[in-house]
Amino acid sequence: MIDTIHFLREDLIWPTVIGLVLLWVLFLWKEYKAVTTTRFIIRGIVALLALSAVASLFLEPVTFQKQVKGVAVLKTANFDSNLIDSLKSTTPALKTITYKENQNLQPQLDSISELHISGDGVAIYDLWQFKNKKVYYHPHKPTPGIIKLAYDTEVLLGDSLTVTGLYKNSFSSNTVLLQESGARAIDSVKILNQDETVFKLHTLPKAKGNYLYHIIVKDSLGKIISSDPLPLTIKDRGRLRVLMVNTFPTFETKYLKNYLAESGHEVLVRSQITKDRYKFENYNRSQKSIYNFTHQNLSEFDVIITDVSTYNGLSQRSKNAINYRVEEQGMGLLLQADARLIEQGSKFGFRFKRKNIKALQLPSWPRVKIPVYPATLTKDALVEPILVTKNNTLSAYAQKGTGRIGTLLVEDSFQLLLSGNEDVYHYLWSTALGKISQQQQSLVQWSLSDYMAYSDEPFQFNLRTSIPLPKVVMNNDVVVPLVQNVTLQDQWSGTIYPNGYGWVNLKVTQAPASLKAMYVINDTAWKAKKVYKQITENASFYKNESSLSSESSIPVPFTKWWAFTVFILAMGYLWLAPRIYKN
C-alpha cells in the first residue's frame, strides 16, 4: 500500500522553494515586455514546469510502501538445533543468521519483526544492536564451573585475601585450589555434589607487588579440569604515626609496640610510672615527650591506642583535644578491650551484648583459637564491623565525625605470639589499625567494570578526582579519552581496548602516584564465568526492551525519467518558441 509522497531531503524543501520562486520571478520580469500577454502566460507556465522538474530531481521524491517483516533466528555459541528445527516447522520462511562478534547486524534486523536468539547470547558490547527489537531469548544451560567470583584485587600487606566463588553444576567430587605464583597450593576446598556450591579460599600475602595466583579445579582423580588466573596487587600499608598511652605498662602494650616498631611505624609510648611521672619510648621517630595533649601535638599522629581507664583519667583539656582531632580532623582512636570498655561502651558509640564465648577462629586459620572477651558488638547504624567470624564481631569502629573510634575484642592477644601464631597476631592488629587510623584520601579513586579484562574487547573504568581535566594514559603511551559525568563533575569514565596479555597500567598524568594495575586475559580464561554473565546480561536486556510493529515502511524512489522528460520538453519549447514566432 502506498502512502503520500515524501522527500528524502525534507530539510531543504523551503530553501529550494524560495530559490525556485526567485528564479521564476526573475524569468517573468525578463519576459514581461518582450512578448504578448498570451505568450507571456504560456512561457511562464512552461518555465515553472521546468524549474519544478529540476527541484524534484534535487529533493528526491519517494513513496513509502508498507512491508510485512519476517521472523528470524540468531544462532550464537551452543545454540539448540532442535529449537531451530521446531521454529522452521512452524515458520517455513524462517531466516537463519549466524552471529559473529562485532558484526553489524542492522541491515538484516531491519527486515525482521520477530527474532529468536538461541545459545549463549551475543557479546555484551553488541547488545545495543537489539534495542527496541522484539526478541525471544532461548539461553543455553550455563557452562559447568565457577560462574561467580568475588575478591579484592588490591590487598594491603598484612591483610588476608579471601576469594569467594559460586561453582555451578558440580555432581562429582571436585576440588578447588588456590595456587600462588610458585605453583604451590595454599588453600583448597571440596565441592559438594549439588547444583550450586559456594566456596571460600583464604591466604595471607607475604610481600608487596603484582602477583598472578591461579584457581585450579581438579576432579576426584587429581586431573586438572580448569586453571584460571587470579591477578592480585599487594600494596604497602604505609607508615602509621602511633601514640600509645597507658596508665601503667602492660604485656599487651609491650608486644604491640614491638610489632609496630618492627613493621616500620612511628611509635611514641607514654606509660605512667607514678603521679605526674611518665616514661616515654620513641621508635622510628625523633625523641620527644608529650605530657598534655593539644590540637597541635596530636596532629603528629594518625591513631591513639589507649584503654578506657587511661582515657577517663586524662584531663578534660586533653580529652577535648583528642575528641577534636577525631571528629574534626579524622584521627583514629583504638580502645584496648577490657571489662571497663564493655561496661562503658555506649560512651564511645558501642553497645555490647554479653555472650558465653571464650575463643573464636578465623576462616584463614581454623585451627587457631583466638581468646576473646565474653561479649560481642550489637548491630548499629553507625558501627561498621572490621572482623566478623561465625556471627561474632571481633573488631569494629564507630564513626565519629570525620574520624573513627574502634576496638579489638581479643583478650591478651600477645598469647598468640607466644604460641607461635605470629601471622594471626599481625593480621588482627594490622587490619584493625588500618581501618581505625586516620584515612589518607587518595587524589584519584579508580573503579573497574570487572576484575580482569579480555584482550581486544572493550573494558570500562570510572575514576573520581578533584583534578580538573585529568589525562589518563595506558602503559604510559596510549592516551585514553574520558567522558565527564554531567551531574557529578569530579567523576569521569573511559573505555580501553587492551591487546595482548598480561599486566596493564592506567595512570592519571597529573598524579604520578595514581597508578592502577589490571590484568588482561585471553578468551579461554574464566570461560564459565564469562558465559554465565553473558547469558544473564542478555536475558535482562531483552526483557526490558519494547517491540516494534510487524510491518515497516520502506522508501521507494520515484523514477527520475518523468522529471527529466518534462525539463527537456520545457527547455526545448522556451528555446524554440522565440525563433518560431520571430520568423
Protein backbone atom coordinates (compact mmCIF):
# COMPACT_ATOMS: atom_id res chain seq x y z
CA MET A 1 0.00 0.00 0.00
CA ILE A 2 1.36 3.43 -1.00
CA ASP A 3 1.29 6.40 1.31
CA THR A 4 1.67 10.07 0.42
CA ILE A 5 4.70 11.49 -1.35
CA HIS A 6 7.72 12.38 0.76
CA PHE A 7 11.10 13.87 0.02
CA LEU A 8 14.40 12.42 1.18
CA ARG A 9 15.80 15.95 1.51
CA GLU A 10 12.95 17.36 3.57
CA ASP A 11 15.28 19.76 5.38
CA LEU A 12 15.97 21.56 2.06
CA ILE A 13 12.36 21.98 0.90
CA TRP A 14 11.93 25.61 1.92
CA PRO A 15 15.32 26.83 0.62
CA THR A 16 14.52 25.07 -2.68
CA VAL A 17 11.01 26.62 -2.93
CA ILE A 18 12.37 30.10 -2.20
CA GLY A 19 15.07 29.69 -4.84
CA LEU A 20 12.53 28.38 -7.35
CA VAL A 21 10.19 31.36 -6.78
CA LEU A 22 13.04 33.87 -7.11
CA LEU A 23 14.20 32.34 -10.39
CA TRP A 24 10.61 32.22 -11.70
CA VAL A 25 10.02 35.89 -10.78
CA LEU A 26 13.27 36.84 -12.49
CA PHE A 27 12.16 34.98 -15.62
CA LEU A 28 8.73 36.69 -15.61
CA TRP A 29 10.32 40.13 -15.22
CA LYS A 30 12.63 39.42 -18.15
CA GLU A 31 9.75 38.21 -20.40
CA TYR A 32 7.10 40.73 -19.34
CA LYS A 33 7.77 43.41 -22.02
CA ALA A 34 9.25 41.09 -24.63
CA VAL A 35 6.14 39.11 -25.59
CA THR A 36 2.39 39.43 -25.83
CA THR A 37 0.15 38.61 -22.91
CA THR A 38 -0.88 35.17 -24.20
CA ARG A 39 2.67 34.09 -24.94
CA PHE A 40 3.79 35.53 -21.58
CA ILE A 41 1.34 33.33 -19.67
CA ILE A 42 2.27 30.21 -21.66
CA ARG A 43 6.02 30.84 -21.27
CA GLY A 44 5.58 31.49 -17.53
CA ILE A 45 3.75 28.17 -17.05
CA VAL A 46 6.37 26.27 -19.07
CA ALA A 47 9.22 27.92 -17.10
CA LEU A 48 7.51 26.93 -13.83
CA LEU A 49 7.27 23.33 -15.05
CA ALA A 50 10.99 23.30 -15.93
CA LEU A 51 12.00 24.74 -12.55
CA SER A 52 9.69 22.30 -10.71
CA ALA A 53 11.26 19.36 -12.57
CA VAL A 54 14.76 20.47 -11.50
CA ALA A 55 13.61 20.98 -7.90
CA SER A 56 12.04 17.50 -7.75
CA LEU A 57 15.26 15.93 -9.05
CA PHE A 58 17.14 17.72 -6.28
CA LEU A 59 14.70 16.90 -3.43
CA GLU A 60 14.35 13.22 -4.46
CA PRO A 61 10.64 12.39 -4.03
CA VAL A 62 9.75 8.94 -2.67
CA THR A 63 6.72 6.99 -1.55
CA PHE A 64 6.66 4.65 1.43
CA GLN A 65 5.32 1.18 0.87
CA LYS A 66 4.34 -0.95 3.83
CA GLN A 67 6.20 -4.22 4.02
CA VAL A 68 5.48 -7.16 6.31
CA LYS A 69 8.62 -8.12 8.21
CA GLY A 70 9.75 -11.68 8.69
CA VAL A 71 10.85 -13.96 11.52
CA ALA A 72 14.47 -14.98 12.08
CA VAL A 73 16.64 -16.96 14.47
CA LEU A 74 20.12 -15.87 15.52
CA LYS A 75 22.48 -18.74 16.21
CA THR A 76 25.04 -18.00 18.92
CA ALA A 77 27.55 -20.33 20.60
CA ASN A 78 25.96 -23.56 21.90
CA PHE A 79 22.71 -22.94 20.01
CA ASP A 80 19.92 -25.54 20.20
CA SER A 81 19.46 -27.22 16.80
CA ASN A 82 16.22 -28.85 17.97
CA LEU A 83 14.76 -25.44 18.74
CA ILE A 84 15.67 -24.18 15.26
CA ASP A 85 14.06 -27.24 13.62
CA SER A 86 10.91 -26.62 15.66
CA LEU A 87 10.79 -22.96 14.58
CA LYS A 88 11.28 -23.94 10.93
CA SER A 89 8.36 -26.35 11.11
CA THR A 90 6.01 -23.59 12.30
CA THR A 91 7.58 -20.79 10.21
CA PRO A 92 8.71 -22.09 6.80
CA ALA A 93 10.06 -18.68 5.78
CA LEU A 94 12.29 -18.52 8.88
CA LYS A 95 15.58 -16.71 8.27
CA THR A 96 18.73 -18.07 9.91
CA ILE A 97 21.53 -15.72 10.97
CA THR A 98 24.87 -16.86 12.38
CA TYR A 99 26.24 -14.47 14.98
CA LYS A 100 29.80 -13.16 14.91
CA GLU A 101 31.22 -10.72 17.43
CA ASN A 102 31.50 -7.08 16.28
CA GLN A 103 29.33 -7.85 13.24
CA ASN A 104 26.92 -5.16 12.03
CA LEU A 105 23.51 -6.85 12.07
CA GLN A 106 21.36 -3.79 11.36
CA PRO A 107 20.74 -4.48 7.63
CA GLN A 108 19.37 -7.93 8.49
CA LEU A 109 17.47 -6.84 11.60
CA ASP A 110 15.64 -4.04 9.75
CA SER A 111 13.60 -6.60 7.80
CA ILE A 112 12.72 -8.68 10.88
CA SER A 113 9.76 -8.18 13.21
CA GLU A 114 10.45 -11.13 15.49
CA LEU A 115 13.85 -12.52 16.41
CA HIS A 116 14.72 -15.70 18.31
CA ILE A 117 18.19 -15.97 19.83
CA SER A 118 19.48 -19.41 20.76
CA GLY A 119 22.61 -20.27 22.72
CA ASP A 120 24.91 -18.27 24.97
CA GLY A 121 23.70 -14.96 23.55
CA VAL A 122 25.58 -12.08 21.97
CA ALA A 123 28.58 -10.31 23.46
CA ILE A 124 27.60 -7.65 25.99
CA TYR A 125 29.14 -4.91 23.88
CA ASP A 126 26.89 -5.94 20.93
CA LEU A 127 23.58 -5.71 22.81
CA TRP A 128 22.96 -2.16 21.59
CA GLN A 129 22.09 -3.53 18.15
CA PHE A 130 18.96 -5.20 19.58
CA LYS A 131 17.47 -2.13 21.23
CA ASN A 132 13.71 -1.82 20.55
CA LYS A 133 13.61 -5.24 18.89
CA LYS A 134 11.12 -8.00 19.64
CA VAL A 135 13.43 -10.75 20.88
CA TYR A 136 12.73 -14.19 22.33
CA TYR A 137 15.83 -15.45 24.07
CA HIS A 138 16.39 -19.19 24.47
CA PRO A 139 19.52 -19.46 26.67
CA HIS A 140 21.79 -22.45 26.74
CA LYS A 141 22.39 -24.15 30.07
CA PRO A 142 25.33 -22.39 31.83
CA THR A 143 28.72 -23.99 31.37
CA PRO A 144 29.73 -26.08 34.43
CA GLY A 145 32.40 -24.43 36.52
CA ILE A 146 32.97 -21.26 38.53
CA ILE A 147 30.29 -18.82 37.38
CA LYS A 148 30.72 -16.11 40.02
CA LEU A 149 33.81 -14.66 41.68
CA ALA A 150 34.36 -12.02 44.35
CA TYR A 151 37.64 -10.83 45.84
CA ASP A 152 39.69 -7.67 46.42
CA THR A 153 42.12 -7.16 43.54
CA GLU A 154 44.15 -4.87 45.80
CA VAL A 155 45.13 -6.02 49.29
CA LEU A 156 47.23 -4.22 51.86
CA LEU A 157 50.29 -6.06 53.11
CA GLY A 158 49.32 -7.92 56.29
CA ASP A 159 45.65 -8.29 55.31
CA SER A 160 44.11 -11.64 54.50
CA LEU A 161 42.93 -12.42 50.96
CA THR A 162 39.53 -14.08 50.73
CA VAL A 163 38.28 -15.43 47.40
CA THR A 164 34.57 -16.24 47.27
CA GLY A 165 33.05 -18.10 44.34
CA LEU A 166 29.99 -20.00 43.14
CA TYR A 167 30.51 -23.37 41.47
CA LYS A 168 27.70 -24.45 39.12
CA ASN A 169 26.59 -27.98 38.19
CA SER A 170 29.00 -29.99 40.27
CA PHE A 171 27.73 -33.53 40.53
CA SER A 172 31.15 -35.01 41.14
CA SER A 173 33.73 -34.68 43.91
CA ASN A 174 35.80 -31.84 42.54
CA THR A 175 38.33 -29.76 44.46
CA VAL A 176 39.00 -26.04 44.06
CA LEU A 177 42.53 -24.91 44.93
CA LEU A 178 44.15 -21.51 45.35
CA GLN A 179 47.64 -21.63 43.90
CA GLU A 180 50.26 -18.92 44.39
CA SER A 181 52.79 -17.76 41.82
CA GLY A 182 55.22 -20.57 42.59
CA ALA A 183 52.63 -23.22 41.66
CA ARG A 184 52.16 -24.15 45.34
CA ALA A 185 48.61 -24.81 46.55
CA ILE A 186 47.98 -22.63 49.61
CA ASP A 187 44.31 -23.42 50.26
CA SER A 188 41.67 -25.80 48.93
CA VAL A 189 38.04 -26.72 49.39
CA LYS A 190 35.92 -29.70 48.37
CA ILE A 191 32.92 -29.01 46.14
CA LEU A 192 29.69 -30.59 47.29
CA ASN A 193 27.75 -32.90 45.00
CA GLN A 194 24.93 -30.46 44.23
CA ASP A 195 23.71 -27.95 41.64
CA GLU A 196 25.45 -24.90 43.16
CA THR A 197 28.16 -24.65 45.79
CA VAL A 198 29.53 -21.51 47.44
CA PHE A 199 33.21 -21.78 48.34
CA LYS A 200 35.82 -19.60 50.05
CA LEU A 201 39.60 -19.67 49.82
CA HIS A 202 41.99 -17.76 52.07
CA THR A 203 45.64 -16.78 52.22
CA LEU A 204 47.90 -14.14 53.76
CA PRO A 205 50.16 -12.44 51.17
CA LYS A 206 53.74 -12.00 52.35
CA ALA A 207 55.23 -9.32 50.05
CA LYS A 208 54.06 -6.32 48.05
CA GLY A 209 53.88 -6.25 44.26
CA ASN A 210 51.78 -7.60 41.38
CA TYR A 211 51.22 -11.34 41.57
CA LEU A 212 49.36 -13.87 39.44
CA TYR A 213 47.65 -16.52 41.52
CA HIS A 214 45.56 -19.30 39.95
CA ILE A 215 42.28 -21.01 40.76
CA ILE A 216 42.63 -24.70 39.92
CA VAL A 217 39.75 -27.16 39.66
CA LYS A 218 40.62 -30.88 39.91
CA ASP A 219 38.46 -33.97 39.71
CA SER A 220 38.46 -36.84 42.19
CA LEU A 221 41.45 -38.42 40.41
CA GLY A 222 43.53 -35.27 40.64
CA LYS A 223 43.19 -34.37 36.96
CA ILE A 224 43.09 -30.64 36.25
CA ILE A 225 39.71 -29.59 34.84
CA SER A 226 40.44 -25.88 34.62
CA SER A 227 43.12 -23.38 35.56
CA ASP A 228 42.25 -19.68 35.59
CA PRO A 229 44.42 -16.67 36.52
CA LEU A 230 43.72 -14.58 39.61
CA PRO A 231 45.64 -11.27 39.43
CA LEU A 232 46.42 -9.62 42.75
CA THR A 233 48.15 -6.39 43.72
CA ILE A 234 49.68 -6.27 47.21
CA LYS A 235 50.27 -2.72 48.42
CA ASP A 236 52.33 -1.46 51.33
CA ARG A 237 50.09 -0.34 54.16
CA GLY A 238 52.08 2.80 54.64
CA ARG A 239 53.78 4.19 57.69
CA LEU A 240 51.46 4.95 60.59
CA ARG A 241 52.14 7.50 63.31
CA VAL A 242 51.01 5.85 66.52
CA LEU A 243 50.63 7.24 70.05
CA MET A 244 50.21 4.61 72.78
CA VAL A 245 49.00 5.87 76.16
CA ASN A 246 48.62 3.65 79.26
CA THR A 247 48.26 4.32 82.97
CA PHE A 248 50.80 1.57 83.62
CA PRO A 249 52.87 -0.72 81.37
CA THR A 250 51.18 -3.97 80.27
CA PHE A 251 52.30 -7.05 78.37
CA GLU A 252 49.75 -6.20 75.67
CA THR A 253 51.33 -2.79 75.12
CA LYS A 254 54.85 -4.23 75.27
CA TYR A 255 54.30 -6.76 72.46
CA LEU A 256 52.15 -4.42 70.41
CA LYS A 257 54.74 -1.63 70.42
CA ASN A 258 57.44 -4.11 69.39
CA TYR A 259 55.31 -5.35 66.47
CA LEU A 260 54.55 -1.80 65.32
CA ALA A 261 58.17 -0.71 65.58
CA GLU A 262 59.43 -3.77 63.69
CA SER A 263 56.87 -3.04 60.97
CA GLY A 264 58.41 0.40 60.45
CA HIS A 265 55.68 2.53 62.02
CA GLU A 266 56.45 5.64 64.06
CA VAL A 267 55.57 4.89 67.67
CA LEU A 268 55.54 7.03 70.81
CA VAL A 269 54.66 5.16 74.03
CA ARG A 270 53.68 7.10 77.16
CA SER A 271 53.41 4.97 80.30
CA GLN A 272 52.61 6.44 83.70
CA ILE A 273 55.03 5.38 86.43
CA THR A 274 53.72 7.43 89.35
CA LYS A 275 51.56 10.51 89.65
CA ASP A 276 52.83 13.18 87.23
CA ARG A 277 55.75 10.93 86.21
CA TYR A 278 55.82 9.24 82.81
CA LYS A 279 58.09 7.01 80.82
CA PHE A 280 58.43 7.85 77.11
CA GLU A 281 59.64 5.48 74.41
CA ASN A 282 60.19 6.62 70.82
CA TYR A 283 60.58 4.21 67.89
CA ASN A 284 61.37 5.21 64.29
CA ARG A 285 60.99 8.88 65.21
CA SER A 286 62.93 11.62 66.94
CA GLN A 287 62.95 11.65 70.75
CA LYS A 288 60.04 13.60 72.13
CA SER A 289 57.89 13.78 75.28
CA ILE A 290 54.23 14.78 75.47
CA TYR A 291 52.65 15.48 78.85
CA ASN A 292 49.43 17.27 77.98
CA PHE A 293 47.57 16.73 74.74
CA THR A 294 46.74 19.68 72.47
CA HIS A 295 45.46 20.09 68.93
CA GLN A 296 49.00 20.87 67.78
CA ASN A 297 50.94 17.95 69.29
CA LEU A 298 48.21 15.43 68.44
CA SER A 299 48.42 16.45 64.76
CA GLU A 300 51.63 14.37 64.63
CA PHE A 301 49.66 11.11 64.97
CA ASP A 302 47.24 9.06 62.84
CA VAL A 303 45.90 6.95 65.72
CA ILE A 304 45.93 6.81 69.50
CA ILE A 305 45.91 3.41 71.26
CA THR A 306 44.72 3.50 74.86
CA ASP A 307 42.22 1.92 77.24
CA VAL A 308 39.06 3.27 78.88
CA SER A 309 40.63 3.69 82.34
CA THR A 310 43.52 5.71 80.93
CA TYR A 311 41.19 7.82 78.81
CA ASN A 312 38.93 8.57 81.81
CA GLY A 313 41.98 9.65 83.83
CA LEU A 314 43.04 12.32 81.32
CA SER A 315 42.38 15.97 81.99
CA GLN A 316 39.32 17.46 80.35
CA ARG A 317 41.56 19.61 78.19
CA SER A 318 43.40 16.55 76.89
CA LYS A 319 40.13 14.69 76.22
CA ASN A 320 38.76 17.72 74.37
CA ALA A 321 41.90 17.80 72.21
CA ILE A 322 41.54 14.09 71.38
CA ASN A 323 37.84 14.43 70.57
CA TYR A 324 38.54 17.43 68.34
CA ARG A 325 41.24 15.57 66.41
CA VAL A 326 38.94 12.57 65.94
CA GLU A 327 35.76 14.37 64.99
CA GLU A 328 37.15 17.31 63.03
CA GLN A 329 40.44 16.07 61.59
CA GLY A 330 39.87 12.33 61.14
CA MET A 331 42.35 10.86 63.66
CA GLY A 332 41.63 7.33 64.89
CA LEU A 333 41.17 6.20 68.49
CA LEU A 334 41.64 2.49 69.25
CA LEU A 335 40.40 1.40 72.67
CA GLN A 336 42.05 -1.73 74.03
CA ALA A 337 39.36 -4.15 75.13
CA ASP A 338 38.75 -4.87 78.81
CA ALA A 339 35.84 -5.18 81.23
CA ARG A 340 35.61 -1.40 81.60
CA LEU A 341 35.08 -0.94 77.85
CA ILE A 342 32.23 -3.47 77.82
CA GLU A 343 30.58 -1.61 80.72
CA GLN A 344 31.05 1.91 79.31
CA GLY A 345 30.89 1.14 75.58
CA SER A 346 27.87 3.39 74.96
CA LYS A 347 30.04 6.35 75.90
CA PHE A 348 32.10 5.71 72.73
CA GLY A 349 29.27 4.62 70.43
CA PHE A 350 29.32 0.85 71.13
CA ARG A 351 26.69 -1.46 72.52
CA PHE A 352 27.89 -4.81 73.81
CA LYS A 353 25.96 -7.99 74.40
CA ARG A 354 27.45 -10.49 76.83
CA LYS A 355 27.95 -13.91 75.33
CA ASN A 356 29.31 -17.16 76.66
CA ILE A 357 32.32 -17.40 74.39
CA LYS A 358 36.00 -17.77 75.25
CA ALA A 359 37.65 -18.18 71.86
CA LEU A 360 36.94 -17.74 68.15
CA GLN A 361 38.54 -18.97 64.93
CA LEU A 362 39.18 -17.08 61.71
CA PRO A 363 38.44 -18.78 58.35
CA SER A 364 42.08 -18.40 57.29
CA TRP A 365 43.31 -20.10 60.47
CA PRO A 366 40.56 -22.53 61.50
CA ARG A 367 42.83 -24.38 63.95
CA VAL A 368 43.96 -21.30 65.87
CA LYS A 369 41.83 -20.38 68.86
CA ILE A 370 41.80 -16.64 69.50
CA PRO A 371 41.00 -15.73 73.14
CA VAL A 372 38.23 -13.11 73.28
CA TYR A 373 36.18 -11.28 75.87
CA PRO A 374 32.77 -12.88 76.59
CA ALA A 375 30.84 -10.24 74.65
CA THR A 376 30.00 -9.24 71.10
CA LEU A 377 29.07 -5.94 69.48
CA THR A 378 25.41 -5.47 68.59
CA LYS A 379 24.47 -4.05 65.21
CA ASP A 380 24.19 -0.30 64.96
CA ALA A 381 23.79 2.09 62.03
CA LEU A 382 26.99 3.97 62.88
CA VAL A 383 29.09 0.90 63.81
CA GLU A 384 30.99 -0.75 60.97
CA PRO A 385 32.35 -4.29 61.51
CA ILE A 386 36.01 -4.89 60.64
CA LEU A 387 36.43 -8.56 61.55
CA VAL A 388 33.46 -10.91 61.79
CA THR A 389 33.54 -14.66 62.30
CA LYS A 390 30.61 -17.00 62.97
CA ASN A 391 28.21 -14.08 63.52
CA ASN A 392 30.51 -12.65 66.19
CA THR A 393 32.09 -9.25 65.66
CA LEU A 394 35.73 -9.41 66.62
CA SER A 395 36.61 -5.84 65.69
CA ALA A 396 34.60 -2.77 64.66
CA TYR A 397 34.64 1.01 64.63
CA ALA A 398 32.08 3.73 65.30
CA GLN A 399 32.13 6.75 63.03
CA LYS A 400 32.66 9.99 64.95
CA GLY A 401 32.58 13.00 62.66
CA THR A 402 35.39 12.51 60.17
CA GLY A 403 37.27 10.07 62.44
CA ARG A 404 36.76 6.62 63.89
CA ILE A 405 36.74 5.07 67.36
CA GLY A 406 37.36 1.33 67.25
CA THR A 407 38.29 -1.71 69.28
CA LEU A 408 39.56 -5.28 69.02
CA LEU A 409 37.85 -7.72 71.37
CA VAL A 410 40.85 -10.02 71.79
CA GLU A 411 41.94 -10.82 75.30
CA ASP A 412 45.71 -10.90 75.82
CA SER A 413 46.45 -11.11 72.10
CA PHE A 414 50.19 -11.43 72.85
CA GLN A 415 49.48 -15.06 73.76
CA LEU A 416 49.19 -15.69 70.03
CA LEU A 417 52.83 -14.64 69.60
CA LEU A 418 53.96 -16.83 72.47
CA SER A 419 52.19 -19.83 70.92
CA GLY A 420 53.85 -19.27 67.55
CA ASN A 421 50.88 -17.76 65.71
CA GLU A 422 52.59 -14.56 64.55
CA ASP A 423 50.59 -14.40 61.31
CA VAL A 424 47.30 -14.34 63.17
CA TYR A 425 48.53 -11.68 65.58
CA HIS A 426 49.86 -9.48 62.77
CA TYR A 427 46.66 -9.90 60.76
CA LEU A 428 44.40 -8.92 63.68
CA TRP A 429 46.26 -5.76 64.58
CA SER A 430 47.19 -4.60 61.06
CA THR A 431 43.58 -4.99 59.91
CA ALA A 432 42.11 -3.19 62.92
CA LEU A 433 44.65 -0.36 62.84
CA GLY A 434 44.34 0.03 59.09
CA LYS A 435 40.59 0.64 59.35
CA ILE A 436 40.58 2.74 62.52
CA SER A 437 43.56 5.05 61.91
CA GLN A 438 43.27 8.32 60.02
CA GLN A 439 42.32 7.53 56.43
CA GLN A 440 44.54 9.04 53.76
CA GLN A 441 42.39 10.38 50.94
CA SER A 442 43.67 9.41 47.53
CA LEU A 443 43.75 12.11 44.87
CA VAL A 444 42.41 9.58 42.34
CA GLN A 445 39.94 6.77 43.08
CA TRP A 446 39.50 4.05 40.45
CA SER A 447 36.54 1.74 39.79
CA LEU A 448 36.87 -1.06 37.21
CA SER A 449 33.96 -2.80 35.49
CA ASP A 450 35.40 -6.27 36.20
CA TYR A 451 38.30 -8.00 37.95
CA MET A 452 40.09 -8.72 34.66
CA ALA A 453 39.94 -7.52 31.06
CA TYR A 454 39.76 -9.63 27.92
CA SER A 455 42.15 -8.95 25.08
CA ASP A 456 40.69 -6.95 22.14
CA GLU A 457 37.41 -6.36 23.96
CA PRO A 458 36.12 -3.06 25.39
CA PHE A 459 36.80 -2.59 29.10
CA GLN A 460 35.23 0.28 31.03
CA PHE A 461 36.51 2.11 34.07
CA ASN A 462 35.47 5.07 36.21
CA LEU A 463 37.59 7.44 38.22
CA ARG A 464 36.90 10.12 40.76
CA THR A 465 39.30 13.01 41.19
CA SER A 466 39.38 16.69 42.03
CA ILE A 467 41.93 17.25 39.25
CA PRO A 468 40.39 19.43 36.51
CA LEU A 469 40.58 17.82 33.06
CA PRO A 470 42.51 14.67 34.11
CA LYS A 471 44.57 12.92 31.45
CA VAL A 472 44.66 9.12 31.61
CA VAL A 473 47.31 7.08 29.82
CA MET A 474 47.58 3.32 29.39
CA ASN A 475 51.08 1.86 29.78
CA ASN A 476 52.50 5.40 29.72
CA ASP A 477 51.93 5.89 25.98
CA VAL A 478 48.26 5.46 24.93
CA VAL A 479 46.02 8.41 25.83
CA VAL A 480 42.52 7.26 26.89
CA PRO A 481 39.58 9.59 26.04
CA LEU A 482 37.41 10.44 29.06
CA VAL A 483 33.75 11.42 29.42
CA GLN A 484 32.79 13.67 32.32
CA ASN A 485 29.69 12.96 34.39
CA VAL A 486 27.16 15.74 33.74
CA THR A 487 25.87 15.78 37.33
CA LEU A 488 28.99 14.88 39.33
CA GLN A 489 31.77 16.99 37.92
CA ASP A 490 34.55 15.05 39.69
CA GLN A 491 33.61 11.72 38.08
CA TRP A 492 34.91 10.53 34.71
CA SER A 493 34.58 7.35 32.66
CA GLY A 494 36.60 5.79 29.87
CA THR A 495 36.89 2.69 27.71
CA ILE A 496 40.08 0.90 26.68
CA TYR A 497 40.71 -1.89 24.16
CA PRO A 498 43.77 -3.72 25.52
CA ASN A 499 45.62 -6.08 23.21
CA GLY A 500 47.99 -8.83 24.19
CA TYR A 501 48.01 -10.45 27.61
CA GLY A 502 49.48 -9.55 30.98
CA TRP A 503 49.60 -6.53 33.25
CA VAL A 504 48.33 -3.15 32.04
CA ASN A 505 48.78 0.11 33.92
CA LEU A 506 46.41 3.07 33.95
CA LYS A 507 47.60 6.39 35.33
CA VAL A 508 46.47 10.00 35.61
CA THR A 509 49.44 12.01 34.37
CA GLN A 510 48.77 14.88 36.79
CA ALA A 511 49.04 12.41 39.71
CA PRO A 512 52.04 10.05 39.25
CA ALA A 513 51.08 8.04 42.36
CA SER A 514 47.66 7.19 40.89
CA LEU A 515 48.91 4.03 39.14
CA LYS A 516 46.20 1.37 38.71
CA ALA A 517 47.29 -2.11 37.67
CA MET A 518 44.93 -4.52 35.90
CA TYR A 519 45.41 -7.83 34.15
CA VAL A 520 44.43 -8.80 30.59
CA ILE A 521 43.47 -12.44 29.96
CA ASN A 522 42.71 -14.47 26.84
CA ASP A 523 39.19 -15.51 25.80
CA THR A 524 39.60 -19.06 27.14
CA ALA A 525 40.17 -17.93 30.76
CA TRP A 526 37.23 -17.96 33.16
CA LYS A 527 35.03 -19.35 30.38
CA ALA A 528 32.17 -20.49 32.65
CA LYS A 529 32.08 -17.12 34.42
CA LYS A 530 32.10 -15.17 31.16
CA VAL A 531 29.34 -17.28 29.59
CA TYR A 532 27.15 -17.05 32.71
CA LYS A 533 27.50 -13.27 32.83
CA GLN A 534 26.74 -13.02 29.10
CA ILE A 535 23.60 -15.17 29.42
CA THR A 536 22.41 -13.15 32.43
CA GLU A 537 23.01 -9.80 30.68
CA ASN A 538 21.24 -10.99 27.53
CA ALA A 539 18.17 -12.19 29.43
CA SER A 540 17.95 -8.94 31.40
CA PHE A 541 18.41 -6.75 28.32
CA TYR A 542 15.76 -8.37 26.15
CA LYS A 543 13.25 -8.42 28.99
CA ASN A 544 13.39 -4.64 29.24
CA GLU A 545 13.14 -3.93 25.51
CA SER A 546 9.91 -2.99 23.73
CA SER A 547 8.91 -4.49 20.39
CA LEU A 548 8.32 -2.80 17.04
CA SER A 549 5.41 -3.28 14.68
CA SER A 550 5.40 -6.35 12.47
CA GLU A 551 5.07 -4.01 9.49
CA SER A 552 7.58 -1.48 8.25
CA SER A 553 7.52 1.18 5.58
CA ILE A 554 10.34 1.25 3.10
CA PRO A 555 11.08 4.24 0.81
CA VAL A 556 10.54 3.64 -2.91
CA PRO A 557 12.00 6.41 -5.11
CA PHE A 558 10.05 7.88 -7.99
CA THR A 559 11.54 7.29 -11.40
CA LYS A 560 13.53 10.35 -12.49
CA TRP A 561 12.72 9.96 -16.17
CA TRP A 562 9.45 11.89 -15.95
CA ALA A 563 11.13 14.92 -14.39
CA PHE A 564 13.98 14.75 -16.89
CA THR A 565 11.47 14.49 -19.77
CA VAL A 566 9.43 17.45 -18.52
CA PHE A 567 12.61 19.52 -18.13
CA ILE A 568 13.86 18.72 -21.69
CA LEU A 569 10.47 19.46 -23.28
CA ALA A 570 10.02 22.70 -21.35
CA MET A 571 13.51 23.95 -22.13
CA GLY A 572 13.07 22.94 -25.76
CA TYR A 573 9.88 24.99 -26.01
CA LEU A 574 11.47 28.03 -24.33
CA TRP A 575 14.37 27.85 -26.76
CA LEU A 576 12.38 27.21 -29.97
CA ALA A 577 9.30 29.38 -29.38
CA PRO A 578 11.03 32.82 -29.83
CA ARG A 579 12.59 31.65 -33.09
CA ILE A 580 9.35 30.25 -34.49
CA TYR A 581 7.28 33.33 -33.71
CA LYS A 582 10.05 35.61 -34.92
CA ASN A 583 10.00 34.01 -38.33
